[in-house]
């Protein structure tokens, strides 16, 4: 790009040290070069340019749920490895995705490396909605392993939200961004709203109550409760809900399932099949919203968890399925 002086003008001395078209240097050696040689200085070159690099949290692929009463000290923790020394960091941004962050000023708090709390962004319009966030956390990162925590809010009715896909994005003086690490064994969770249903007409997806849940049913009285109007019972309660976890890192995992227990659920227990292995979980009691342990299993690659409600004419329920490395 030309400067304001155009292509002509300037002293001949200024041009004498310019590079010729064949790449050689003409004219006399500049004073800056001779000074460096005389003093024995070492030419280090310009500092590296600022690069924007993303550092994902280990296990940040899925959204993880926090459902606790007001005043709870429980937090969701995400570990972000491999950050450079803060001395080379010009700016830092925390990026994450939330679900159902709908209580402005009361939703929850974020802590970066144990620092002062940051109020979680929330809007009434974000009820039952996933939203991507970017929060300035410049000056809060440390070299190496960083910890990002999400805690409870001040809403009188308690805290409920899901968060995940946590990334620290840095603008830093680096020669290059680090190569992304191989995916570790990580906790991953899929909610009922992301399951794939067969015989969808026999499933009620109720999203108006305590974050929502799914259950198989046969009664006409459930029709107004289905979120998207697809419930049209045929009297069998039959159908499946499939939760597909893609590219799971090899490891041993604990499989847990959250559902709504009620006394009228399947007396034989809900049949959950993990990569072809089925186990039943009792849901016919008054525990209401409850997390059950299916068991542990060595998993790798694509993992399929199926709630099979085709064996009996009875109601089964599910809110989410979670895989956690052990």
C-alpha atoms as a PDB file:
ATOM      1  CA  UNK A   1       0.000   0.000   0.000  1.00  0.00           C
ATOM      2  CA  UNK A   2       1.446   3.393  -0.956  1.00  0.00           C
ATOM      3  CA  UNK A   3       2.059   6.044   1.693  1.00  0.00           C
ATOM      4  CA  UNK A   4       0.933   9.648   1.400  1.00  0.00           C
ATOM      5  CA  UNK A   5       4.123  10.703  -0.344  1.00  0.00           C
ATOM      6  CA  UNK A   6       3.323   8.582  -3.403  1.00  0.00           C
ATOM      7  CA  UNK A   7       5.986   6.800  -5.424  1.00  0.00           C
ATOM      8  CA  UNK A   8       8.323   9.800  -5.855  1.00  0.00           C
ATOM      9  CA  UNK A   9      10.134  12.124  -3.508  1.00  0.00           C
ATOM     10  CA  UNK A  10      12.213  11.423  -0.426  1.00  0.00           C
ATOM     11  CA  UNK A  11      16.029  11.558  -0.169  1.00  0.00           C
ATOM     12  CA  UNK A  12      18.302   9.381  -2.215  1.00  0.00           C
ATOM     13  CA  UNK A  13      19.971   8.256   0.993  1.00  0.00           C
ATOM     14  CA  UNK A  14      16.762   6.717   2.260  1.00  0.00           C
ATOM     15  CA  UNK A  15      16.481   4.676  -0.895  1.00  0.00           C
ATOM     16  CA  UNK A  16      20.119   3.571  -0.961  1.00  0.00           C
ATOM     17  CA  UNK A  17      19.535   0.684   1.414  1.00  0.00           C
ATOM     18  CA  UNK A  18      16.483  -0.674  -0.388  1.00  0.00           C
ATOM     19  CA  UNK A  19      16.352  -4.191  -1.797  1.00  0.00           C
ATOM     20  CA  UNK A  20      16.871  -4.467  -5.539  1.00  0.00           C
ATOM     21  CA  UNK A  21      14.579  -6.471  -7.744  1.00  0.00           C
ATOM     22  CA  UNK A  22      16.916  -9.476  -7.653  1.00  0.00           C
ATOM     23  CA  UNK A  23      16.750  -9.648  -3.857  1.00  0.00           C
ATOM     24  CA  UNK A  24      20.232  -8.177  -3.142  1.00  0.00           C
ATOM     25  CA  UNK A  25      20.748  -5.064  -1.029  1.00  0.00           C
ATOM     26  CA  UNK A  26      22.208  -1.952  -2.636  1.00  0.00           C
ATOM     27  CA  UNK A  27      23.751   1.137  -1.099  1.00  0.00           C
ATOM     28  CA  UNK A  28      25.526   1.570   2.200  1.00  0.00           C
ATOM     29  CA  UNK A  29      24.912  -0.430   5.347  1.00  0.00           C
ATOM     30  CA  UNK A  30      22.412   1.302   7.658  1.00  0.00           C
ATOM     31  CA  UNK A  31      23.463   2.629  11.053  1.00  0.00           C
ATOM     32  CA  UNK A  32      21.135   0.239  12.851  1.00  0.00           C
ATOM     33  CA  UNK A  33      22.951  -2.769  11.340  1.00  0.00           C
ATOM     34  CA  UNK A  34      26.444  -1.511  12.203  1.00  0.00           C
ATOM     35  CA  UNK A  35      25.370  -0.626  15.732  1.00  0.00           C
ATOM     36  CA  UNK A  36      24.111  -4.122  16.378  1.00  0.00           C
ATOM     37  CA  UNK A  37      27.329  -5.618  15.073  1.00  0.00           C
ATOM     38  CA  UNK A  38      29.582  -3.304  17.098  1.00  0.00           C
ATOM     39  CA  UNK A  39      27.782  -3.910  20.395  1.00  0.00           C
ATOM     40  CA  UNK A  40      27.453  -7.630  19.875  1.00  0.00           C
ATOM     41  CA  UNK A  41      23.655  -7.384  20.052  1.00  0.00           C
ATOM     42  CA  UNK A  42      21.535 -10.362  19.019  1.00  0.00           C
ATOM     43  CA  UNK A  43      18.791  -9.775  16.501  1.00  0.00           C
ATOM     44  CA  UNK A  44      15.664 -11.441  17.849  1.00  0.00           C
ATOM     45  CA  UNK A  45      13.231 -10.156  15.257  1.00  0.00           C
ATOM     46  CA  UNK A  46       9.759  -8.778  15.935  1.00  0.00           C
ATOM     47  CA  UNK A  47       7.604 -10.370  18.627  1.00  0.00           C
ATOM     48  CA  UNK A  48       5.115 -12.985  17.460  1.00  0.00           C
ATOM     49  CA  UNK A  49       1.855 -11.579  16.164  1.00  0.00           C
ATOM     50  CA  UNK A  50      -1.275 -11.968  18.263  1.00  0.00           C
ATOM     51  CA  UNK A  51      -3.031 -15.190  17.438  1.00  0.00           C
ATOM     52  CA  UNK A  52      -6.537 -16.232  18.433  1.00  0.00           C
ATOM     53  CA  UNK A  53      -6.431 -19.759  19.859  1.00  0.00           C
ATOM     54  CA  UNK A  54      -9.198 -21.904  21.321  1.00  0.00           C
ATOM     55  CA  UNK A  55      -8.610 -24.157  24.340  1.00  0.00           C
ATOM     56  CA  UNK A  56     -11.572 -26.515  24.896  1.00  0.00           C
ATOM     57  CA  UNK A  57     -12.421 -27.988  28.271  1.00  0.00           C
ATOM     58  CA  UNK A  58     -11.830 -31.681  28.718  1.00  0.00           C
ATOM     59  CA  UNK A  59     -15.278 -33.216  28.473  1.00  0.00           C
ATOM     60  CA  UNK A  60     -16.991 -30.097  27.179  1.00  0.00           C
ATOM     61  CA  UNK A  61     -18.938 -31.649  24.316  1.00  0.00           C
ATOM     62  CA  UNK A  62     -22.369 -32.189  25.905  1.00  0.00           C
ATOM     63  CA  UNK A  63     -24.486 -30.052  28.213  1.00  0.00           C
ATOM     64  CA  UNK A  64     -24.404 -30.971  31.904  1.00  0.00           C
ATOM     65  CA  UNK A  65     -27.261 -30.233  34.292  1.00  0.00           C
ATOM     66  CA  UNK A  66     -27.261 -28.367  37.595  1.00  0.00           C
ATOM     67  CA  UNK A  67     -30.520 -28.640  39.569  1.00  0.00           C
ATOM     68  CA  UNK A  68     -30.106 -27.551  43.197  1.00  0.00           C
ATOM     69  CA  UNK A  69     -31.991 -25.517  45.835  1.00  0.00           C
ATOM     70  CA  UNK A  70     -31.182 -21.887  46.559  1.00  0.00           C
ATOM     71  CA  UNK A  71     -27.987 -21.559  48.602  1.00  0.00           C
ATOM     72  CA  UNK A  72     -26.431 -24.804  47.369  1.00  0.00           C
ATOM     73  CA  UNK A  73     -22.629 -24.844  47.126  1.00  0.00           C
ATOM     74  CA  UNK A  74     -22.644 -27.530  44.412  1.00  0.00           C
ATOM     75  CA  UNK A  75     -20.913 -26.528  41.170  1.00  0.00           C
ATOM     76  CA  UNK A  76     -20.325 -27.953  37.723  1.00  0.00           C
ATOM     77  CA  UNK A  77     -16.571 -28.067  37.041  1.00  0.00           C
ATOM     78  CA  UNK A  78     -14.809 -27.925  33.667  1.00  0.00           C
ATOM     79  CA  UNK A  79     -11.025 -28.270  33.357  1.00  0.00           C
ATOM     80  CA  UNK A  80      -9.288 -26.448  30.496  1.00  0.00           C
ATOM     81  CA  UNK A  81      -5.684 -27.657  30.004  1.00  0.00           C
ATOM     82  CA  UNK A  82      -2.647 -26.268  28.184  1.00  0.00           C
ATOM     83  CA  UNK A  83      -2.994 -22.483  28.466  1.00  0.00           C
ATOM     84  CA  UNK A  84       0.116 -20.300  27.928  1.00  0.00           C
ATOM     85  CA  UNK A  85       1.663 -17.976  30.483  1.00  0.00           C
ATOM     86  CA  UNK A  86      -0.668 -15.031  31.148  1.00  0.00           C
ATOM     87  CA  UNK A  87       2.211 -12.687  30.322  1.00  0.00           C
ATOM     88  CA  UNK A  88       1.681 -13.359  26.599  1.00  0.00           C
ATOM     89  CA  UNK A  89      -2.125 -13.167  26.783  1.00  0.00           C
ATOM     90  CA  UNK A  90      -3.669  -9.930  25.541  1.00  0.00           C
ATOM     91  CA  UNK A  91      -7.327 -10.959  25.915  1.00  0.00           C
ATOM     92  CA  UNK A  92      -9.304 -13.966  27.115  1.00  0.00           C
ATOM     93  CA  UNK A  93     -12.919 -14.936  26.404  1.00  0.00           C
ATOM     94  CA  UNK A  94     -14.950 -17.689  28.039  1.00  0.00           C
ATOM     95  CA  UNK A  95     -17.320 -19.322  25.545  1.00  0.00           C
ATOM     96  CA  UNK A  96     -19.988 -21.832  26.515  1.00  0.00           C
ATOM     97  CA  UNK A  97     -23.519 -22.961  25.677  1.00  0.00           C
ATOM     98  CA  UNK A  98     -26.420 -22.866  28.128  1.00  0.00           C
ATOM     99  CA  UNK A  99     -29.931 -24.315  28.216  1.00  0.00           C
ATOM    100  CA  UNK A 100     -32.860 -22.756  30.107  1.00  0.00           C
ATOM    101  CA  UNK A 101     -30.919 -19.761  31.477  1.00  0.00           C
ATOM    102  CA  UNK A 102     -34.106 -17.757  32.031  1.00  0.00           C
ATOM    103  CA  UNK A 103     -33.766 -15.924  35.381  1.00  0.00           C
ATOM    104  CA  UNK A 104     -31.963 -12.588  34.779  1.00  0.00           C
ATOM    105  CA  UNK A 105     -29.659 -11.679  37.638  1.00  0.00           C
ATOM    106  CA  UNK A 106     -30.562 -14.843  39.555  1.00  0.00           C
ATOM    107  CA  UNK A 107     -29.600 -17.758  37.269  1.00  0.00           C
ATOM    108  CA  UNK A 108     -26.163 -18.663  38.636  1.00  0.00           C
ATOM    109  CA  UNK A 109     -22.520 -17.686  38.972  1.00  0.00           C
ATOM    110  CA  UNK A 110     -19.335 -18.505  37.062  1.00  0.00           C
ATOM    111  CA  UNK A 111     -15.924 -18.872  38.699  1.00  0.00           C
ATOM    112  CA  UNK A 112     -12.645 -18.923  36.748  1.00  0.00           C
ATOM    113  CA  UNK A 113      -9.734 -20.403  38.713  1.00  0.00           C
ATOM    114  CA  UNK A 114     -11.488 -19.633  41.998  1.00  0.00           C
ATOM    115  CA  UNK A 115     -11.702 -15.911  41.251  1.00  0.00           C
ATOM    116  CA  UNK A 116     -14.589 -13.566  42.008  1.00  0.00           C
ATOM    117  CA  UNK A 117     -17.993 -14.663  40.720  1.00  0.00           C
ATOM    118  CA  UNK A 118     -19.369 -13.600  37.357  1.00  0.00           C
ATOM    119  CA  UNK A 119     -23.148 -13.429  36.999  1.00  0.00           C
ATOM    120  CA  UNK A 120     -24.414 -15.872  34.386  1.00  0.00           C
ATOM    121  CA  UNK A 121     -26.164 -14.148  31.481  1.00  0.00           C
ATOM    122  CA  UNK A 122     -29.882 -14.953  31.467  1.00  0.00           C
ATOM    123  CA  UNK A 123     -33.046 -13.726  29.755  1.00  0.00           C
ATOM    124  CA  UNK A 124     -36.705 -14.642  30.166  1.00  0.00           C
ATOM    125  CA  UNK A 125     -36.820 -15.454  26.449  1.00  0.00           C
ATOM    126  CA  UNK A 126     -34.180 -18.187  26.922  1.00  0.00           C
ATOM    127  CA  UNK A 127     -36.571 -20.564  28.701  1.00  0.00           C
ATOM    128  CA  UNK A 128     -36.092 -24.105  27.297  1.00  0.00           C
ATOM    129  CA  UNK A 129     -33.643 -22.654  24.753  1.00  0.00           C
ATOM    130  CA  UNK A 130     -29.950 -23.233  24.016  1.00  0.00           C
ATOM    131  CA  UNK A 131     -27.850 -20.052  23.797  1.00  0.00           C
ATOM    132  CA  UNK A 132     -24.138 -19.473  23.065  1.00  0.00           C
ATOM    133  CA  UNK A 133     -22.281 -17.050  25.332  1.00  0.00           C
ATOM    134  CA  UNK A 134     -19.015 -15.084  25.229  1.00  0.00           C
ATOM    135  CA  UNK A 135     -17.732 -13.515  28.481  1.00  0.00           C
ATOM    136  CA  UNK A 136     -14.586 -11.422  28.872  1.00  0.00           C
ATOM    137  CA  UNK A 137     -12.260 -13.114  31.404  1.00  0.00           C
ATOM    138  CA  UNK A 138      -9.070 -11.220  30.585  1.00  0.00           C
ATOM    139  CA  UNK A 139      -6.630 -11.391  33.502  1.00  0.00           C
ATOM    140  CA  UNK A 140      -8.246 -14.477  35.034  1.00  0.00           C
ATOM    141  CA  UNK A 141      -6.337 -17.240  33.238  1.00  0.00           C
ATOM    142  CA  UNK A 142      -3.243 -19.047  34.489  1.00  0.00           C
ATOM    143  CA  UNK A 143      -0.537 -21.085  32.781  1.00  0.00           C
ATOM    144  CA  UNK A 144      -1.386 -24.754  32.319  1.00  0.00           C
ATOM    145  CA  UNK A 145      -4.605 -26.144  33.785  1.00  0.00           C
ATOM    146  CA  UNK A 146      -7.551 -23.772  34.299  1.00  0.00           C
ATOM    147  CA  UNK A 147     -10.792 -24.530  36.159  1.00  0.00           C
ATOM    148  CA  UNK A 148     -14.162 -23.022  35.155  1.00  0.00           C
ATOM    149  CA  UNK A 149     -17.061 -23.635  37.549  1.00  0.00           C
ATOM    150  CA  UNK A 150     -20.794 -22.917  37.293  1.00  0.00           C
ATOM    151  CA  UNK A 151     -22.705 -22.534  40.543  1.00  0.00           C
ATOM    152  CA  UNK A 152     -26.179 -21.864  41.899  1.00  0.00           C
ATOM    153  CA  UNK A 153     -28.072 -18.604  41.618  1.00  0.00           C
ATOM    154  CA  UNK A 154     -30.305 -16.651  43.965  1.00  0.00           C
ATOM    155  CA  UNK A 155     -33.682 -17.533  42.428  1.00  0.00           C
ATOM    156  CA  UNK A 156     -36.055 -18.435  45.243  1.00  0.00           C
ATOM    157  CA  UNK A 157     -37.325 -21.548  43.471  1.00  0.00           C
ATOM    158  CA  UNK A 158     -33.833 -22.999  43.105  1.00  0.00           C
ATOM    159  CA  UNK A 159     -31.401 -23.371  40.223  1.00  0.00           C
ATOM    160  CA  UNK A 160     -31.929 -25.342  37.042  1.00  0.00           C
ATOM    161  CA  UNK A 161     -29.844 -25.037  33.886  1.00  0.00           C
ATOM    162  CA  UNK A 162     -27.515 -27.011  31.643  1.00  0.00           C
ATOM    163  CA  UNK A 163     -24.122 -25.831  30.419  1.00  0.00           C
ATOM    164  CA  UNK A 164     -21.360 -27.258  28.252  1.00  0.00           C
ATOM    165  CA  UNK A 165     -19.097 -26.771  25.233  1.00  0.00           C
ATOM    166  CA  UNK A 166     -16.783 -24.720  27.464  1.00  0.00           C
ATOM    167  CA  UNK A 167     -13.848 -23.069  25.680  1.00  0.00           C
ATOM    168  CA  UNK A 168     -11.289 -20.457  26.706  1.00  0.00           C
ATOM    169  CA  UNK A 169     -10.416 -18.386  23.643  1.00  0.00           C
ATOM    170  CA  UNK A 170      -7.178 -16.376  23.929  1.00  0.00           C
ATOM    171  CA  UNK A 171      -5.558 -13.610  21.930  1.00  0.00           C
ATOM    172  CA  UNK A 172      -1.903 -14.206  22.708  1.00  0.00           C
ATOM    173  CA  UNK A 173       1.631 -13.670  21.390  1.00  0.00           C
ATOM    174  CA  UNK A 174       2.269 -17.193  20.174  1.00  0.00           C
ATOM    175  CA  UNK A 175       4.190 -18.700  17.307  1.00  0.00           C
ATOM    176  CA  UNK A 176       1.260 -21.003  16.622  1.00  0.00           C
ATOM    177  CA  UNK A 177      -1.916 -22.258  18.253  1.00  0.00           C
ATOM    178  CA  UNK A 178      -1.514 -25.655  19.944  1.00  0.00           C
ATOM    179  CA  UNK A 179      -2.665 -28.768  18.184  1.00  0.00           C
ATOM    180  CA  UNK A 180      -5.976 -29.925  19.638  1.00  0.00           C
ATOM    181  CA  UNK A 181      -5.443 -32.837  22.035  1.00  0.00           C
ATOM    182  CA  UNK A 182      -6.979 -36.210  21.288  1.00  0.00           C
ATOM    183  CA  UNK A 183     -10.438 -36.474  22.795  1.00  0.00           C
ATOM    184  CA  UNK A 184     -10.177 -37.677  26.404  1.00  0.00           C
ATOM    185  CA  UNK A 185     -12.576 -39.935  28.202  1.00  0.00           C
ATOM    186  CA  UNK A 186     -15.173 -37.388  29.223  1.00  0.00           C
ATOM    187  CA  UNK A 187     -18.539 -37.051  30.872  1.00  0.00           C
ATOM    188  CA  UNK A 188     -21.286 -36.643  28.289  1.00  0.00           C
ATOM    189  CA  UNK A 189     -25.007 -36.214  28.668  1.00  0.00           C
ATOM    190  CA  UNK A 190     -27.934 -36.259  26.220  1.00  0.00           C
ATOM    191  CA  UNK A 191     -31.374 -34.981  27.164  1.00  0.00           C
ATOM    192  CA  UNK A 192     -34.770 -36.355  26.203  1.00  0.00           C
ATOM    193  CA  UNK A 193     -35.279 -33.526  23.709  1.00  0.00           C
ATOM    194  CA  UNK A 194     -32.293 -34.786  21.662  1.00  0.00           C
ATOM    195  CA  UNK A 195     -33.295 -38.455  21.666  1.00  0.00           C
ATOM    196  CA  UNK A 196     -34.661 -40.153  18.552  1.00  0.00           C
ATOM    197  CA  UNK A 197     -38.088 -41.715  19.098  1.00  0.00           C
ATOM    198  CA  UNK A 198     -39.810 -44.592  17.329  1.00  0.00           C
ATOM    199  CA  UNK A 199     -43.608 -44.631  17.492  1.00  0.00           C
ATOM    200  CA  UNK A 200     -43.408 -41.011  18.548  1.00  0.00           C
ATOM    201  CA  UNK A 201     -47.216 -40.978  18.799  1.00  0.00           C
ATOM    202  CA  UNK A 202     -46.983 -42.950  22.071  1.00  0.00           C
ATOM    203  CA  UNK A 203     -44.531 -40.544  23.727  1.00  0.00           C
ATOM    204  CA  UNK A 204     -45.365 -37.422  25.703  1.00  0.00           C
ATOM    205  CA  UNK A 205     -42.571 -34.848  25.620  1.00  0.00           C
ATOM    206  CA  UNK A 206     -43.545 -32.558  28.439  1.00  0.00           C
ATOM    207  CA  UNK A 207     -41.461 -29.363  28.459  1.00  0.00           C
ATOM    208  CA  UNK A 208     -43.627 -27.231  30.766  1.00  0.00           C
ATOM    209  CA  UNK A 209     -42.599 -28.741  34.103  1.00  0.00           C
ATOM    210  CA  UNK A 210     -39.251 -28.740  35.960  1.00  0.00           C
ATOM    211  CA  UNK A 211     -37.118 -28.617  32.841  1.00  0.00           C
ATOM    212  CA  UNK A 212     -39.150 -31.227  31.005  1.00  0.00           C
ATOM    213  CA  UNK A 213     -39.135 -35.007  30.563  1.00  0.00           C
ATOM    214  CA  UNK A 214     -40.438 -37.748  28.274  1.00  0.00           C
ATOM    215  CA  UNK A 215     -42.669 -40.715  29.081  1.00  0.00           C
ATOM    216  CA  UNK A 216     -44.635 -43.339  27.202  1.00  0.00           C
ATOM    217  CA  UNK A 217     -48.389 -43.267  27.722  1.00  0.00           C
ATOM    218  CA  UNK A 218     -51.740 -44.425  26.337  1.00  0.00           C
ATOM    219  CA  UNK A 219     -54.360 -42.079  27.801  1.00  0.00           C
ATOM    220  CA  UNK A 220     -56.125 -39.280  25.940  1.00  0.00           C
ATOM    221  CA  UNK A 221     -55.748 -37.004  28.966  1.00  0.00           C
ATOM    222  CA  UNK A 222     -52.021 -36.621  28.193  1.00  0.00           C
ATOM    223  CA  UNK A 223     -52.622 -34.983  24.803  1.00  0.00           C
ATOM    224  CA  UNK A 224     -52.561 -31.362  26.103  1.00  0.00           C
ATOM    225  CA  UNK A 225     -49.230 -31.988  27.875  1.00  0.00           C
ATOM    226  CA  UNK A 226     -47.167 -32.888  24.787  1.00  0.00           C
ATOM    227  CA  UNK A 227     -44.960 -29.968  23.728  1.00  0.00           C
ATOM    228  CA  UNK A 228     -45.192 -30.319  19.962  1.00  0.00           C
ATOM    229  CA  UNK A 229     -48.562 -31.998  19.502  1.00  0.00           C
ATOM    230  CA  UNK A 230     -47.252 -35.327  18.196  1.00  0.00           C
ATOM    231  CA  UNK A 231     -48.740 -37.488  20.938  1.00  0.00           C
ATOM    232  CA  UNK A 232     -51.589 -39.574  19.470  1.00  0.00           C
ATOM    233  CA  UNK A 233     -51.824 -42.765  21.574  1.00  0.00           C
ATOM    234  CA  UNK A 234     -52.672 -46.096  19.993  1.00  0.00           C
ATOM    235  CA  UNK A 235     -53.261 -47.825  23.349  1.00  0.00           C
ATOM    236  CA  UNK A 236     -49.995 -49.793  23.460  1.00  0.00           C
ATOM    237  CA  UNK A 237     -47.468 -47.318  25.034  1.00  0.00           C
ATOM    238  CA  UNK A 238     -44.972 -48.952  22.639  1.00  0.00           C
ATOM    239  CA  UNK A 239     -41.945 -47.119  21.268  1.00  0.00           C
ATOM    240  CA  UNK A 240     -38.248 -46.512  21.828  1.00  0.00           C
ATOM    241  CA  UNK A 241     -36.132 -43.508  22.769  1.00  0.00           C
ATOM    242  CA  UNK A 242     -32.568 -43.720  21.446  1.00  0.00           C
ATOM    243  CA  UNK A 243     -29.667 -41.664  22.812  1.00  0.00           C
ATOM    244  CA  UNK A 244     -26.637 -41.749  20.478  1.00  0.00           C
ATOM    245  CA  UNK A 245     -23.238 -40.718  21.853  1.00  0.00           C
ATOM    246  CA  UNK A 246     -20.824 -40.339  18.927  1.00  0.00           C
ATOM    247  CA  UNK A 247     -17.033 -40.851  19.066  1.00  0.00           C
ATOM    248  CA  UNK A 248     -16.815 -41.799  22.735  1.00  0.00           C
ATOM    249  CA  UNK A 249     -13.184 -42.082  23.863  1.00  0.00           C
ATOM    250  CA  UNK A 250     -12.254 -45.613  24.987  1.00  0.00           C
ATOM    251  CA  UNK A 251     -12.687 -46.186  28.707  1.00  0.00           C
ATOM    252  CA  UNK A 252     -14.827 -47.544  31.503  1.00  0.00           C
ATOM    253  CA  UNK A 253     -17.961 -45.470  32.116  1.00  0.00           C
ATOM    254  CA  UNK A 254     -20.676 -45.205  34.734  1.00  0.00           C
ATOM    255  CA  UNK A 255     -24.076 -44.909  33.049  1.00  0.00           C
ATOM    256  CA  UNK A 256     -26.674 -42.898  34.958  1.00  0.00           C
ATOM    257  CA  UNK A 257     -30.235 -42.049  33.953  1.00  0.00           C
ATOM    258  CA  UNK A 258     -32.497 -39.321  35.273  1.00  0.00           C
ATOM    259  CA  UNK A 259     -36.242 -39.838  35.013  1.00  0.00           C
ATOM    260  CA  UNK A 260     -39.470 -38.976  36.736  1.00  0.00           C
ATOM    261  CA  UNK A 261     -40.519 -41.755  39.103  1.00  0.00           C
ATOM    262  CA  UNK A 262     -44.258 -42.115  39.760  1.00  0.00           C
ATOM    263  CA  UNK A 263     -46.232 -45.037  41.248  1.00  0.00           C
ATOM    264  CA  UNK A 264     -47.951 -45.761  37.906  1.00  0.00           C
ATOM    265  CA  UNK A 265     -44.737 -46.500  35.979  1.00  0.00           C
ATOM    266  CA  UNK A 266     -43.899 -49.923  34.515  1.00  0.00           C
ATOM    267  CA  UNK A 267     -43.934 -52.433  37.423  1.00  0.00           C
ATOM    268  CA  UNK A 268     -41.214 -54.504  35.705  1.00  0.00           C
ATOM    269  CA  UNK A 269     -38.926 -51.468  35.437  1.00  0.00           C
ATOM    270  CA  UNK A 270     -37.882 -49.388  32.439  1.00  0.00           C
ATOM    271  CA  UNK A 271     -35.630 -51.389  30.084  1.00  0.00           C
ATOM    272  CA  UNK A 272     -32.490 -49.422  29.118  1.00  0.00           C
ATOM    273  CA  UNK A 273     -30.223 -51.125  26.573  1.00  0.00           C
ATOM    274  CA  UNK A 274     -26.592 -49.926  26.346  1.00  0.00           C
ATOM    275  CA  UNK A 275     -24.839 -51.175  23.208  1.00  0.00           C
ATOM    276  CA  UNK A 276     -27.033 -54.279  23.193  1.00  0.00           C
ATOM    277  CA  UNK A 277     -26.940 -55.002  26.956  1.00  0.00           C
ATOM    278  CA  UNK A 278     -30.268 -54.459  28.690  1.00  0.00           C
ATOM    279  CA  UNK A 279     -30.992 -53.717  32.348  1.00  0.00           C
ATOM    280  CA  UNK A 280     -34.213 -52.650  34.033  1.00  0.00           C
ATOM    281  CA  UNK A 281     -34.552 -49.633  36.295  1.00  0.00           C
ATOM    282  CA  UNK A 282     -37.494 -49.405  38.684  1.00  0.00           C
ATOM    283  CA  UNK A 283     -39.420 -46.157  38.354  1.00  0.00           C
ATOM    284  CA  UNK A 284     -42.761 -47.090  40.000  1.00  0.00           C
ATOM    285  CA  UNK A 285     -42.370 -45.236  43.299  1.00  0.00           C
ATOM    286  CA  UNK A 286     -42.862 -41.701  44.629  1.00  0.00           C
ATOM    287  CA  UNK A 287     -39.231 -40.511  44.326  1.00  0.00           C
ATOM    288  CA  UNK A 288     -40.328 -38.044  41.598  1.00  0.00           C
ATOM    289  CA  UNK A 289     -37.276 -36.638  39.748  1.00  0.00           C
ATOM    290  CA  UNK A 290     -34.503 -39.136  40.413  1.00  0.00           C
ATOM    291  CA  UNK A 291     -31.092 -40.234  39.108  1.00  0.00           C
ATOM    292  CA  UNK A 292     -30.574 -44.008  38.829  1.00  0.00           C
ATOM    293  CA  UNK A 293     -27.362 -45.898  38.094  1.00  0.00           C
ATOM    294  CA  UNK A 294     -27.619 -48.385  35.222  1.00  0.00           C
ATOM    295  CA  UNK A 295     -24.131 -49.727  35.931  1.00  0.00           C
ATOM    296  CA  UNK A 296     -20.638 -49.555  34.422  1.00  0.00           C
ATOM    297  CA  UNK A 297     -19.427 -50.659  31.021  1.00  0.00           C
ATOM    298  CA  UNK A 298     -16.345 -50.422  28.781  1.00  0.00           C
ATOM    299  CA  UNK A 299     -17.309 -48.150  25.890  1.00  0.00           C
ATOM    300  CA  UNK A 300     -15.680 -46.732  22.756  1.00  0.00           C
ATOM    301  CA  UNK A 301     -16.762 -45.176  19.469  1.00  0.00           C
ATOM    302  CA  UNK A 302     -20.478 -44.681  18.883  1.00  0.00           C
ATOM    303  CA  UNK A 303     -22.532 -45.673  21.934  1.00  0.00           C
ATOM    304  CA  UNK A 304     -26.275 -46.253  21.716  1.00  0.00           C
ATOM    305  CA  UNK A 305     -28.511 -46.168  24.790  1.00  0.00           C
ATOM    306  CA  UNK A 306     -32.108 -47.204  24.087  1.00  0.00           C
ATOM    307  CA  UNK A 307     -35.110 -46.949  26.372  1.00  0.00           C
ATOM    308  CA  UNK A 308     -37.115 -49.882  25.029  1.00  0.00           C
ATOM    309  CA  UNK A 309     -40.796 -49.463  25.853  1.00  0.00           C
ATOM    310  CA  UNK A 310     -42.012 -52.176  23.484  1.00  0.00           C
ATOM    311  CA  UNK A 311     -42.045 -55.125  25.894  1.00  0.00           C
ATOM    312  CA  UNK A 312     -45.068 -54.263  28.040  1.00  0.00           C
ATOM    313  CA  UNK A 313     -48.080 -51.977  27.964  1.00  0.00           C
ATOM    314  CA  UNK A 314     -46.808 -49.677  30.697  1.00  0.00           C
ATOM    315  CA  UNK A 315     -45.290 -46.230  31.159  1.00  0.00           C
ATOM    316  CA  UNK A 316     -41.528 -45.558  31.151  1.00  0.00           C
ATOM    317  CA  UNK A 317     -39.810 -42.207  31.665  1.00  0.00           C
ATOM    318  CA  UNK A 318     -36.515 -40.496  30.871  1.00  0.00           C
ATOM    319  CA  UNK A 319     -35.022 -37.019  31.283  1.00  0.00           C
ATOM    320  CA  UNK A 320     -31.397 -37.607  30.359  1.00  0.00           C
ATOM    321  CA  UNK A 321     -28.738 -40.289  29.952  1.00  0.00           C
ATOM    322  CA  UNK A 322     -25.185 -39.593  31.134  1.00  0.00           C
ATOM    323  CA  UNK A 323     -21.859 -41.355  30.560  1.00  0.00           C
ATOM    324  CA  UNK A 324     -19.101 -40.533  33.055  1.00  0.00           C
ATOM    325  CA  UNK A 325     -15.571 -42.013  32.972  1.00  0.00           C
ATOM    326  CA  UNK A 326     -14.450 -43.899  36.084  1.00  0.00           C
END
